[in-house]
Amino acid sequence: MRLSGADIIVRTIIEQGTKTVFGYPGGQIINVYDSLYKYQDELRHVLCAHEQGAAHAADGYARATGEVGVVIATSGPGATNLVTGIATAYLDSVPLVAITGNVPSYQLGTDSFQEIDITGITLPITKHNYVVGSAEELADTIREAYKLALSDRPGPVLVDVPKDIQIAQCEYEPLSPVCADQKMPAKDVRIEQAAACINLSHMPYVYFGGGLINSDAEEELLELAEKIDAPIGCSFMGISGVPTDHPRFLGMQGMHGHYASSMAMHQADCIIALGVRFNDRVTGNRERFATRSQIVHIDIDGAELSKNVSPAHALRGDLKLTLQKLLPLLEPKEHPKWQSAIDQLKNDERWSMDRREGMTPRNVLLALNRYTGGKLPVATDVGQHQMWAAQTCVFSEKRRFISSGGLGTMGFGMGAAMGAQLATGQRTVLVTGDGSFGMCLNELATAVHERIPLVILLLNNGVLGMVRQWQTLFFDKHYSNTVLDRATDFVALSKAFGADGVRVTDLDGLDSALSTAFKSDGPYLIECIIDKDEFVLPMLPPGGSMDDIITKVGG
């Protein structure tokens, strides 16, 4: 069939199995939006309030499903407004395809109205990007973008389409959806060497990240831990990779990780690291990190091996396939002394937990757990509330924790929560803070218009809490520009957007509000007033090691 370039873009997105896209129209993408109008029965477009929110929504859609998220924007500021969202997806290995319009190809390089070199801008934060040169290239370019976004280590791809290419016509032949490149295990010899190392271990620790979720290797990980009698910990990006209540799971490790998980990693003689980056929030002072441990590092991205730590054994390959080859080579073990030490660490952690009554962050999130049951998606923004959620929220299914890890993007949560809800069809929770929520609260307009059932749990302490915590601990309480002191009435604001909301100051009020919110057919905001001096603990000081971990203020 003979179609315009704009129709080919939309038909190819439909061909790939995508059901929902996010975006914002403009002059240089108007032809694509005309095509979206024609095909609206086959492809849902969600009009967001801002291109950044649209990018985060496509990101949340992808995180919750493992499928490609798609965002569409016009040239110039429309394209540049996507940059933060693309970078967020890139740092967290999220499959995203961004389609931007641009000025006609014969005007490129002339500084035309709303012209921008978006491929040059996004080169460092995409797996690849394209400027389409002809209508004949369009379908295959978009198919290639999908394939690249999904293959190996997932990530974002950008396709920039000049306006004349959207108008031009050519033949279009529908094809089957593309598949990711075939995955391969690590080399046999490296697997054998790693197995020999693990078999010598007496205090093994299994540590996984987002790569485990992308590889769908939960079953193999649990079999590994059982076979070698090891505790399990995860990076921030690994949260929800295994059920929170699994008896071997110690929780998140790192700067604000669970005490038992972080200390077990510190004491282990062998760390089996699966799909993790060992960034600074995990290692602290790298010269003092895991000094008594042999590290077996498995990752699909060879660039991550030996980048931040020096493993004894580095295996490049798909986690699931590599573990399937590794498991038969491992000797069944029992380590009673190691398990006794782990039990002591868990007991120490229980004693250090915040047991105060009242409207503490932990009590707020424990109340939330009673309503989610571990099955619903929980998105967050970035800051103290994010770490409290990572420490406290429970998950029984994977891909249910939706949060910006690598880039730490304040304002991520609202768009991501909408995307996760539209992807899963499940009521979704956004845990946010007054600082982060203020950055992209305009997406409340989108959530109301689309009648998206969101529970927005806003922890309001009137400050930029994480930065203020650092100022308290390391900057002699110089609270420079972290006290917000704003008169914003978030409940009134939510109602102005058309959403319901309530402010609560005690746990009884919170329980009533949660009961109402989880019955609402649209967004419902619960503003929880908490103290400005609440801390996220434990905390690994910057540049410190696990020997320096802070478990209480002044400790």
Protein backbone atom coordinates (compact mmCIF):
# COMPACT_ATOMS: atom_id res chain seq x y z
CA MET A 1 0.00 0.00 0.00
CA ARG A 2 1.14 3.57 -0.70
CA LEU A 3 1.22 5.75 2.40
CA SER A 4 2.65 9.05 3.59
CA GLY A 5 5.70 9.01 5.82
CA ALA A 6 3.52 10.07 8.76
CA ASP A 7 1.14 7.15 8.16
CA ILE A 8 4.12 4.79 7.87
CA ILE A 9 5.39 5.94 11.28
CA VAL A 10 2.06 5.22 12.95
CA ARG A 11 1.41 1.98 11.03
CA THR A 12 4.88 0.69 11.98
CA ILE A 13 4.30 1.48 15.67
CA ILE A 14 1.02 -0.46 15.49
CA GLU A 15 2.79 -3.26 13.60
CA GLN A 16 5.24 -3.62 16.50
CA GLY A 17 2.40 -4.35 18.91
CA THR A 18 2.48 -1.06 20.81
CA LYS A 19 -0.94 -0.10 22.17
CA THR A 20 -0.26 3.26 23.83
CA VAL A 21 2.09 6.13 23.04
CA PHE A 22 2.68 9.43 24.83
CA GLY A 23 3.46 12.85 23.45
CA TYR A 24 2.70 16.44 22.64
CA PRO A 25 1.95 17.88 19.17
CA GLY A 26 3.60 20.77 17.36
CA GLY A 27 4.18 22.24 13.92
CA GLN A 28 6.91 19.90 12.72
CA ILE A 29 5.13 16.73 13.89
CA ILE A 30 1.57 17.75 12.93
CA ASN A 31 1.44 15.29 10.04
CA VAL A 32 2.10 12.40 12.43
CA TYR A 33 -0.66 13.69 14.70
CA ASP A 34 -3.02 13.77 11.72
CA SER A 35 -2.15 10.12 11.18
CA LEU A 36 -2.72 9.37 14.87
CA TYR A 37 -6.20 10.81 14.42
CA LYS A 38 -6.88 8.42 11.52
CA TYR A 39 -5.63 5.37 13.43
CA GLN A 40 -6.96 6.28 16.87
CA ASP A 41 -8.98 3.06 17.04
CA GLU A 42 -5.76 1.04 16.83
CA LEU A 43 -3.28 3.17 18.78
CA ARG A 44 -4.01 5.19 21.91
CA HIS A 45 -2.19 8.48 22.25
CA VAL A 46 -2.00 10.07 25.69
CA LEU A 47 -1.60 13.84 25.53
CA CYS A 48 0.64 14.84 28.43
CA ALA A 49 1.04 18.31 29.88
CA HIS A 50 4.76 18.56 28.99
CA GLU A 51 7.14 16.58 26.83
CA GLN A 52 9.26 15.66 29.86
CA GLY A 53 6.20 14.13 31.51
CA ALA A 54 5.46 12.25 28.28
CA ALA A 55 8.99 10.81 28.21
CA HIS A 56 8.70 9.69 31.85
CA ALA A 57 5.29 8.15 31.10
CA ALA A 58 6.74 6.14 28.21
CA ASP A 59 9.58 5.14 30.54
CA GLY A 60 7.17 3.98 33.26
CA TYR A 61 5.21 2.03 30.65
CA ALA A 62 8.39 0.24 29.59
CA ARG A 63 9.62 -0.46 33.14
CA ALA A 64 6.31 -2.02 34.13
CA THR A 65 6.16 -4.32 31.08
CA GLY A 66 9.65 -4.81 29.66
CA GLU A 67 8.22 -3.65 26.32
CA VAL A 68 9.29 -0.60 24.32
CA GLY A 69 7.81 2.70 25.49
CA VAL A 70 7.16 5.29 22.78
CA VAL A 71 7.15 9.08 23.07
CA ILE A 72 6.47 11.57 20.27
CA ALA A 73 7.39 15.26 20.20
CA THR A 74 7.88 18.13 17.80
CA SER A 75 11.13 19.89 16.90
CA GLY A 76 13.08 22.48 18.88
CA PRO A 77 11.85 22.84 22.46
CA GLY A 78 9.58 19.84 22.06
CA ALA A 79 12.58 17.67 21.33
CA THR A 80 14.85 19.23 23.93
CA ASN A 81 12.15 18.80 26.59
CA LEU A 82 12.57 15.04 26.08
CA VAL A 83 16.26 15.09 27.01
CA THR A 84 15.89 14.55 30.76
CA GLY A 85 13.47 11.68 30.15
CA ILE A 86 15.77 10.06 27.60
CA ALA A 87 18.75 10.38 29.93
CA THR A 88 16.71 8.86 32.78
CA ALA A 89 15.90 5.84 30.61
CA TYR A 90 19.50 5.54 29.42
CA LEU A 91 21.02 5.42 32.90
CA ASP A 92 18.50 2.75 33.97
CA SER A 93 18.60 0.62 30.79
CA VAL A 94 14.96 1.17 29.82
CA PRO A 95 13.81 0.37 26.24
CA LEU A 96 12.43 3.62 24.84
CA VAL A 97 11.85 4.91 21.30
CA ALA A 98 11.57 8.70 20.95
CA ILE A 99 10.21 10.01 17.65
CA THR A 100 10.75 13.69 16.95
CA GLY A 101 9.74 15.89 14.06
CA ASN A 102 12.14 18.38 12.58
CA VAL A 103 12.18 21.12 9.97
CA PRO A 104 12.17 19.99 6.32
CA SER A 105 15.44 18.34 5.32
CA TYR A 106 16.31 21.14 2.90
CA GLN A 107 16.20 23.59 5.84
CA LEU A 108 18.43 21.60 8.17
CA GLY A 109 21.46 23.61 9.20
CA THR A 110 19.87 26.99 8.39
CA ASP A 111 18.72 27.84 11.93
CA SER A 112 15.08 27.63 10.87
CA PHE A 113 12.33 28.34 13.38
CA GLN A 114 12.37 25.61 16.05
CA GLU A 115 15.22 23.74 14.40
CA ILE A 116 17.56 21.89 16.72
CA ASP A 117 20.19 19.18 16.23
CA ILE A 118 18.46 16.74 18.56
CA THR A 119 20.56 13.80 17.38
CA GLY A 120 23.72 15.68 18.32
CA ILE A 121 22.27 16.62 21.70
CA THR A 122 21.15 13.08 22.55
CA LEU A 123 24.15 11.20 21.16
CA PRO A 124 25.66 10.53 24.64
CA ILE A 125 22.32 9.40 26.15
CA THR A 126 20.95 7.03 23.50
CA LYS A 127 22.03 3.62 22.28
CA HIS A 128 21.73 5.10 18.79
CA ASN A 129 19.82 7.82 16.99
CA TYR A 130 18.75 8.45 13.41
CA VAL A 131 17.91 11.31 11.07
CA VAL A 132 15.65 9.72 8.47
CA GLY A 133 16.70 10.66 4.93
CA SER A 134 13.74 9.38 2.90
CA ALA A 135 10.24 8.02 3.34
CA GLU A 136 11.47 4.69 1.99
CA GLU A 137 13.77 4.36 5.04
CA LEU A 138 11.12 5.12 7.65
CA ALA A 139 9.56 1.74 8.38
CA ASP A 140 12.85 -0.14 8.57
CA THR A 141 14.41 2.62 10.69
CA ILE A 142 11.62 2.42 13.26
CA ARG A 143 11.79 -1.39 13.25
CA GLU A 144 15.54 -1.18 13.80
CA ALA A 145 14.98 1.32 16.64
CA TYR A 146 12.63 -1.11 18.38
CA LYS A 147 15.07 -3.98 17.94
CA LEU A 148 18.01 -1.96 19.21
CA ALA A 149 16.06 -0.63 22.21
CA LEU A 150 15.26 -4.21 23.30
CA SER A 151 18.51 -5.99 22.45
CA ASP A 152 21.41 -6.79 24.80
CA ARG A 153 21.39 -4.08 27.46
CA PRO A 154 18.11 -2.22 26.75
CA GLY A 155 18.04 1.54 26.31
CA PRO A 156 16.57 4.51 24.45
CA VAL A 157 16.78 5.15 20.70
CA LEU A 158 15.77 8.40 18.97
CA VAL A 159 14.37 8.74 15.44
CA ASP A 160 14.30 12.30 14.04
CA VAL A 161 12.02 12.76 11.02
CA PRO A 162 12.17 15.97 8.93
CA LYS A 163 8.75 17.28 7.93
CA ASP A 164 9.15 16.68 4.21
CA ILE A 165 9.82 13.00 4.94
CA GLN A 166 6.55 12.84 6.87
CA ILE A 167 4.69 14.27 3.85
CA ALA A 168 6.39 12.20 1.13
CA GLN A 169 4.69 8.98 0.00
CA CYS A 170 6.06 5.53 -0.72
CA GLU A 171 5.10 1.89 -0.58
CA TYR A 172 4.61 0.30 2.83
CA GLU A 173 4.54 -3.44 3.46
CA PRO A 174 3.56 -4.58 6.97
CA LEU A 175 5.87 -7.06 8.66
CA SER A 176 5.83 -9.08 11.88
CA PRO A 177 7.05 -7.40 15.08
CA VAL A 178 10.81 -7.42 15.49
CA CYS A 179 12.50 -9.50 18.16
CA ALA A 180 15.52 -8.61 20.24
CA ASP A 181 18.84 -10.05 19.11
CA GLN A 182 19.45 -13.62 20.19
CA LYS A 183 20.90 -13.75 23.69
CA MET A 184 24.03 -15.72 24.44
CA PRO A 185 25.51 -17.13 27.67
CA ALA A 186 29.03 -16.35 28.82
CA LYS A 187 31.86 -18.53 27.55
CA ASP A 188 31.99 -22.05 29.00
CA VAL A 189 35.54 -21.70 30.27
CA ARG A 190 34.66 -18.58 32.24
CA ILE A 191 31.58 -20.26 33.69
CA GLU A 192 33.72 -23.22 34.80
CA GLN A 193 36.27 -20.91 36.44
CA ALA A 194 33.51 -18.98 38.22
CA ALA A 195 31.94 -22.22 39.47
CA ALA A 196 35.27 -23.34 40.93
CA CYS A 197 35.58 -20.03 42.79
CA ILE A 198 32.05 -20.22 44.18
CA ASN A 199 32.55 -23.83 45.28
CA LEU A 200 35.45 -22.73 47.50
CA SER A 201 33.38 -20.10 49.24
CA HIS A 202 32.23 -20.37 52.87
CA MET A 203 30.40 -17.02 53.08
CA PRO A 204 28.75 -16.44 49.69
CA TYR A 205 26.47 -13.48 48.97
CA VAL A 206 24.26 -13.21 45.87
CA TYR A 207 23.83 -9.63 44.72
CA PHE A 208 21.55 -8.66 41.81
CA GLY A 209 20.40 -5.56 40.00
CA GLY A 210 18.09 -4.47 37.21
CA GLY A 211 19.83 -6.78 34.78
CA LEU A 212 18.24 -9.74 36.54
CA ILE A 213 14.77 -8.31 35.90
CA ASN A 214 15.57 -7.62 32.25
CA SER A 215 16.82 -11.18 31.83
CA ASP A 216 13.81 -12.75 33.59
CA ALA A 217 16.25 -14.78 35.71
CA GLU A 218 14.47 -14.78 39.09
CA GLU A 219 13.99 -18.54 39.12
CA GLU A 220 17.67 -19.21 38.41
CA LEU A 221 18.79 -16.73 41.06
CA LEU A 222 16.68 -18.37 43.76
CA GLU A 223 17.95 -21.80 42.75
CA LEU A 224 21.52 -20.49 42.97
CA ALA A 225 21.01 -19.09 46.48
CA GLU A 226 19.43 -22.32 47.70
CA LYS A 227 22.13 -24.49 46.23
CA ILE A 228 25.06 -22.59 47.74
CA ASP A 229 23.19 -21.58 50.93
CA ALA A 230 23.64 -17.84 50.37
CA PRO A 231 21.74 -14.73 51.41
CA ILE A 232 20.44 -12.44 48.67
CA GLY A 233 20.72 -8.68 48.37
CA CYS A 234 19.97 -6.25 45.58
CA SER A 235 20.86 -2.87 44.20
CA PHE A 236 18.28 -0.10 44.09
CA MET A 237 17.37 -1.08 40.52
CA GLY A 238 16.87 -4.69 41.57
CA ILE A 239 13.98 -3.95 43.94
CA SER A 240 10.95 -6.18 43.14
CA GLY A 241 13.21 -8.63 41.29
CA VAL A 242 12.43 -11.25 43.95
CA PRO A 243 9.57 -11.24 46.47
CA THR A 244 10.36 -8.99 49.42
CA ASP A 245 9.32 -11.67 51.90
CA HIS A 246 11.59 -14.41 50.52
CA PRO A 247 13.45 -15.84 53.54
CA ARG A 248 16.87 -15.43 51.90
CA PHE A 249 16.29 -11.84 50.77
CA LEU A 250 17.97 -9.20 52.94
CA GLY A 251 16.83 -6.20 50.89
CA MET A 252 18.59 -3.35 49.17
CA GLN A 253 22.31 -2.83 49.69
CA GLY A 254 24.23 0.44 49.53
CA MET A 255 24.29 4.00 50.81
CA HIS A 256 20.75 3.80 52.23
CA GLY A 257 20.35 0.04 52.03
CA HIS A 258 19.21 -2.38 54.68
CA TYR A 259 21.80 -2.87 57.41
CA ALA A 260 21.86 -6.68 57.19
CA SER A 261 22.20 -6.67 53.41
CA SER A 262 25.00 -4.10 53.34
CA MET A 263 26.95 -5.71 56.17
CA ALA A 264 26.55 -9.22 54.75
CA MET A 265 28.05 -8.04 51.49
CA HIS A 266 30.87 -6.39 53.41
CA GLN A 267 31.66 -9.62 55.30
CA ALA A 268 31.21 -12.12 52.44
CA ASP A 269 34.16 -14.04 51.02
CA CYS A 270 32.47 -14.40 47.60
CA ILE A 271 30.05 -11.96 45.95
CA ILE A 272 28.12 -13.34 42.98
CA ALA A 273 27.04 -10.13 41.24
CA LEU A 274 24.28 -10.42 38.64
CA GLY A 275 23.39 -7.54 36.35
CA VAL A 276 24.71 -4.71 38.52
CA ARG A 277 27.02 -1.74 37.94
CA PHE A 278 28.79 -1.35 41.31
CA ASN A 279 28.29 2.41 41.23
CA ASP A 280 29.46 4.75 43.97
CA ARG A 281 26.22 4.46 45.96
CA VAL A 282 26.94 0.74 46.33
CA THR A 283 30.67 0.65 46.93
CA GLY A 284 31.42 3.86 48.81
CA ASN A 285 35.21 4.09 48.99
CA ARG A 286 36.20 1.55 46.33
CA GLU A 287 39.63 0.97 47.90
CA ARG A 288 37.86 -0.30 51.04
CA PHE A 289 35.05 -2.15 49.30
CA ALA A 290 34.77 -5.95 49.65
CA THR A 291 38.46 -6.29 50.56
CA ARG A 292 38.03 -9.88 51.79
CA SER A 293 35.83 -11.03 48.91
CA GLN A 294 36.28 -12.69 45.55
CA ILE A 295 33.80 -11.16 43.09
CA VAL A 296 32.13 -13.13 40.33
CA HIS A 297 30.50 -10.55 38.06
CA ILE A 298 28.02 -11.56 35.32
CA ASP A 299 26.58 -8.89 33.03
CA ILE A 300 25.32 -8.67 29.47
CA ASP A 301 27.24 -5.43 28.96
CA GLY A 302 30.97 -6.05 28.80
CA ALA A 303 31.63 -2.37 29.47
CA GLU A 304 30.42 -2.85 33.05
CA LEU A 305 32.89 -5.63 33.81
CA SER A 306 35.98 -4.34 35.65
CA LYS A 307 34.75 -0.73 35.24
CA ASN A 308 34.18 0.09 38.91
CA VAL A 309 35.53 -2.97 40.73
CA SER A 310 38.05 -5.64 39.77
CA PRO A 311 36.28 -9.02 39.81
CA ALA A 312 38.13 -12.28 40.14
CA HIS A 313 35.90 -13.62 37.37
CA ALA A 314 34.13 -11.47 34.77
CA LEU A 315 31.50 -13.18 32.63
CA ARG A 316 29.86 -11.40 29.73
CA GLY A 317 26.53 -12.92 28.76
CA ASP A 318 22.82 -13.10 29.35
CA LEU A 319 22.14 -13.79 33.04
CA LYS A 320 19.43 -16.39 32.63
CA LEU A 321 21.37 -18.44 30.08
CA THR A 322 24.64 -18.10 31.97
CA LEU A 323 23.09 -19.16 35.28
CA GLN A 324 21.49 -22.15 33.60
CA LYS A 325 24.96 -23.30 32.60
CA LEU A 326 26.54 -22.37 35.93
CA LEU A 327 24.06 -24.12 38.24
CA PRO A 328 24.94 -27.75 37.33
CA LEU A 329 28.61 -27.01 38.07
CA LEU A 330 27.96 -25.84 41.62
CA GLU A 331 28.25 -28.16 44.60
CA PRO A 332 25.34 -28.14 47.06
CA LYS A 333 26.54 -26.46 50.24
CA GLU A 334 25.43 -25.64 53.76
CA HIS A 335 27.08 -22.85 55.71
CA PRO A 336 25.64 -22.93 59.27
CA LYS A 337 28.19 -20.48 60.70
CA TRP A 338 27.54 -18.01 57.89
CA GLN A 339 23.78 -18.33 58.30
CA SER A 340 24.15 -17.78 62.03
CA ALA A 341 26.07 -14.57 61.31
CA ILE A 342 23.34 -13.49 58.88
CA ASP A 343 20.68 -14.14 61.53
CA GLN A 344 22.62 -11.93 63.93
CA LEU A 345 22.80 -9.15 61.31
CA LYS A 346 19.03 -9.40 60.76
CA ASN A 347 18.48 -9.24 64.50
CA ASP A 348 20.73 -6.18 64.75
CA GLU A 349 18.73 -4.57 61.95
CA ARG A 350 15.43 -5.23 63.70
CA TRP A 351 16.70 -3.55 66.84
CA SER A 352 17.87 -0.53 64.86
CA MET A 353 14.55 -0.05 63.06
CA ASP A 354 12.51 3.06 63.76
CA ARG A 355 9.85 1.89 66.22
CA ARG A 356 8.38 5.29 67.05
CA GLU A 357 4.64 5.77 66.96
CA GLY A 358 2.85 8.43 64.97
CA MET A 359 3.27 9.89 61.51
CA THR A 360 6.79 8.68 60.76
CA PRO A 361 7.73 7.89 57.16
CA ARG A 362 8.08 4.19 58.00
CA ASN A 363 4.62 4.04 59.59
CA VAL A 364 3.10 5.84 56.61
CA LEU A 365 4.58 3.30 54.19
CA LEU A 366 3.69 0.32 56.38
CA ALA A 367 0.11 1.56 56.19
CA LEU A 368 0.42 1.77 52.42
CA ASN A 369 1.63 -1.86 52.27
CA ARG A 370 -1.66 -3.03 53.73
CA TYR A 371 -3.44 -1.66 50.67
CA THR A 372 -1.01 -2.62 47.90
CA GLY A 373 -0.44 -6.15 49.17
CA GLY A 374 2.86 -6.10 47.30
CA LYS A 375 1.07 -6.56 43.98
CA LEU A 376 0.52 -3.01 42.73
CA PRO A 377 3.05 -0.78 40.96
CA VAL A 378 4.67 1.81 43.21
CA ALA A 379 6.40 4.71 41.47
CA THR A 380 8.49 7.30 43.26
CA ASP A 381 10.13 10.61 42.68
CA VAL A 382 13.65 11.19 44.02
CA GLY A 383 14.78 12.08 47.51
CA GLN A 384 14.18 10.89 51.06
CA HIS A 385 10.73 9.54 50.26
CA GLN A 386 12.29 7.42 47.50
CA MET A 387 14.71 5.77 49.92
CA TRP A 388 12.02 5.25 52.56
CA ALA A 389 9.89 3.54 49.89
CA ALA A 390 12.83 1.40 48.74
CA GLN A 391 13.43 0.30 52.33
CA THR A 392 9.82 -0.27 53.39
CA CYS A 393 7.48 -1.04 50.48
CA VAL A 394 6.84 -4.73 49.86
CA PHE A 395 6.60 -6.43 46.47
CA SER A 396 5.50 -9.91 45.50
CA GLU A 397 5.78 -9.42 41.72
CA LYS A 398 8.59 -8.11 39.56
CA ARG A 399 8.55 -4.78 37.71
CA ARG A 400 6.42 -3.21 40.40
CA PHE A 401 8.97 -0.70 41.74
CA ILE A 402 9.23 2.19 39.27
CA SER A 403 11.91 4.71 40.20
CA SER A 404 14.77 6.71 38.71
CA GLY A 405 18.06 5.19 39.87
CA GLY A 406 21.05 6.26 37.82
CA LEU A 407 20.08 9.85 36.99
CA GLY A 408 18.02 10.48 40.13
CA THR A 409 15.41 12.58 38.32
CA MET A 410 13.19 14.71 40.54
CA GLY A 411 9.85 15.06 38.75
CA PHE A 412 10.06 11.54 37.29
CA GLY A 413 7.30 10.02 39.40
CA MET A 414 4.07 11.53 38.11
CA GLY A 415 4.65 10.66 34.46
CA ALA A 416 6.12 7.26 35.32
CA ALA A 417 3.17 6.38 37.56
CA MET A 418 0.74 7.21 34.75
CA GLY A 419 2.72 5.09 32.30
CA ALA A 420 2.89 2.14 34.69
CA GLN A 421 -0.86 2.29 35.33
CA LEU A 422 -1.73 2.44 31.64
CA ALA A 423 0.66 -0.44 30.94
CA THR A 424 -0.60 -2.77 33.67
CA GLY A 425 -4.20 -1.70 34.13
CA GLN A 426 -3.57 -1.81 37.88
CA ARG A 427 -4.17 1.01 40.33
CA THR A 428 -0.76 2.60 40.82
CA VAL A 429 0.77 4.45 43.75
CA LEU A 430 3.06 7.46 43.50
CA VAL A 431 5.19 8.10 46.58
CA THR A 432 6.55 11.61 46.29
CA GLY A 433 7.79 14.60 48.26
CA ASP A 434 6.83 18.25 48.14
CA GLY A 435 10.06 19.17 46.33
CA SER A 436 9.85 16.53 43.61
CA PHE A 437 6.09 16.79 43.15
CA GLY A 438 6.38 20.52 42.53
CA MET A 439 8.54 19.88 39.48
CA CYS A 440 6.02 18.01 37.31
CA LEU A 441 2.67 18.30 39.08
CA ASN A 442 1.24 19.68 35.83
CA GLU A 443 0.74 16.04 34.82
CA LEU A 444 -2.17 15.95 37.26
CA ALA A 445 -4.09 17.49 34.37
CA THR A 446 -3.27 14.42 32.27
CA ALA A 447 -4.18 11.95 35.00
CA VAL A 448 -7.53 13.65 35.58
CA HIS A 449 -8.37 13.88 31.87
CA GLU A 450 -7.46 10.23 31.28
CA ARG A 451 -9.18 9.14 34.53
CA ILE A 452 -6.05 7.29 35.62
CA PRO A 453 -6.51 5.65 39.05
CA LEU A 454 -3.47 6.91 40.94
CA VAL A 455 -2.95 7.14 44.67
CA ILE A 456 -0.53 10.04 45.20
CA LEU A 457 1.10 9.76 48.62
CA LEU A 458 2.80 13.11 49.17
CA LEU A 459 5.20 13.19 52.13
CA ASN A 460 5.38 16.89 52.90
CA ASN A 461 8.12 18.04 55.26
CA GLY A 462 8.44 21.56 53.86
CA VAL A 463 12.09 21.06 52.92
CA LEU A 464 14.32 19.46 50.33
CA GLY A 465 14.86 16.62 52.73
CA MET A 466 17.79 14.67 51.32
CA VAL A 467 19.94 17.73 50.72
CA ARG A 468 18.96 19.08 54.14
CA GLN A 469 20.00 15.77 55.71
CA TRP A 470 23.45 16.16 54.15
CA GLN A 471 23.60 19.77 55.36
CA THR A 472 22.79 18.58 58.88
CA LEU A 473 25.39 15.81 58.90
CA PHE A 474 28.23 17.26 56.85
CA PHE A 475 27.74 21.04 56.44
CA ASP A 476 27.28 22.31 60.01
CA LYS A 477 23.52 22.79 59.51
CA HIS A 478 23.97 25.46 56.86
CA TYR A 479 20.45 25.12 55.42
CA SER A 480 21.13 26.97 52.21
CA ASN A 481 18.02 27.01 49.99
CA THR A 482 16.60 23.74 51.27
CA VAL A 483 13.78 25.16 53.41
CA LEU A 484 10.95 25.58 50.89
CA ASP A 485 8.74 27.79 53.09
CA ARG A 486 6.04 27.83 50.42
CA ALA A 487 2.36 28.54 50.85
CA THR A 488 1.28 25.92 48.34
CA ASP A 489 -1.92 24.11 49.34
CA PHE A 490 -1.44 20.80 47.55
CA VAL A 491 -4.96 19.57 48.34
CA ALA A 492 -6.56 22.72 46.94
CA LEU A 493 -4.22 22.51 43.96
CA SER A 494 -5.21 18.91 43.24
CA LYS A 495 -8.86 19.92 43.35
CA ALA A 496 -8.16 22.78 40.97
CA PHE A 497 -6.87 20.19 38.50
CA GLY A 498 -10.05 18.15 39.02
CA ALA A 499 -8.67 15.49 41.36
CA ASP A 500 -9.71 14.65 44.89
CA GLY A 501 -7.36 15.05 47.82
CA VAL A 502 -7.02 15.30 51.58
CA ARG A 503 -4.39 16.35 54.12
CA VAL A 504 -3.67 14.00 57.02
CA THR A 505 -1.67 14.51 60.18
CA ASP A 506 -2.16 11.20 62.02
CA LEU A 507 -2.31 7.48 61.21
CA ASP A 508 -6.06 7.18 61.75
CA GLY A 509 -6.63 9.91 59.20
CA LEU A 510 -4.16 8.23 56.85
CA ASP A 511 -5.96 4.89 57.04
CA SER A 512 -9.28 6.56 56.23
CA ALA A 513 -7.71 8.47 53.35
CA LEU A 514 -6.09 5.34 51.91
CA SER A 515 -9.40 3.49 52.09
CA THR A 516 -11.07 6.27 50.10
CA ALA A 517 -8.17 6.65 47.65
CA PHE A 518 -8.08 2.96 46.76
CA LYS A 519 -11.76 3.13 45.78
CA SER A 520 -11.39 6.25 43.63
CA ASP A 521 -11.75 5.97 39.86
CA GLY A 522 -9.21 8.73 39.20
CA PRO A 523 -6.19 10.35 40.85
CA TYR A 524 -6.44 10.93 44.60
CA LEU A 525 -3.83 12.92 46.53
CA ILE A 526 -3.03 12.26 50.18
CA GLU A 527 -0.79 14.92 51.71
CA CYS A 528 0.99 13.48 54.75
CA ILE A 529 2.58 16.04 57.04
CA ILE A 530 5.88 14.73 58.41
CA ASP A 531 8.68 16.32 60.42
CA LYS A 532 11.42 18.18 58.55
CA ASP A 533 14.12 16.49 60.64
CA GLU A 534 13.28 12.91 59.65
CA PHE A 535 16.39 11.12 58.36
CA VAL A 536 16.95 8.28 55.94
CA LEU A 537 19.00 5.72 57.84
CA PRO A 538 21.17 3.70 57.64
CA MET A 539 23.51 5.93 55.66
CA LEU A 540 26.93 5.27 54.22
CA PRO A 541 28.81 8.58 54.37
CA PRO A 542 30.16 9.82 51.02
CA GLY A 543 33.64 8.41 50.52
CA GLY A 544 33.23 6.06 53.46
CA SER A 545 32.99 2.30 53.73
CA MET A 546 30.63 -0.04 55.55
CA ASP A 547 32.82 0.36 58.63
CA ASP A 548 31.58 3.98 58.75
CA ILE A 549 27.86 3.25 58.37
CA ILE A 550 25.55 5.61 60.27
CA THR A 551 22.59 3.90 61.93
CA LYS A 552 21.45 6.79 64.10
CA VAL A 553 21.94 10.55 64.13
CA GLY A 554 25.36 11.23 65.59
CA GLY A 555 26.24 7.54 65.31
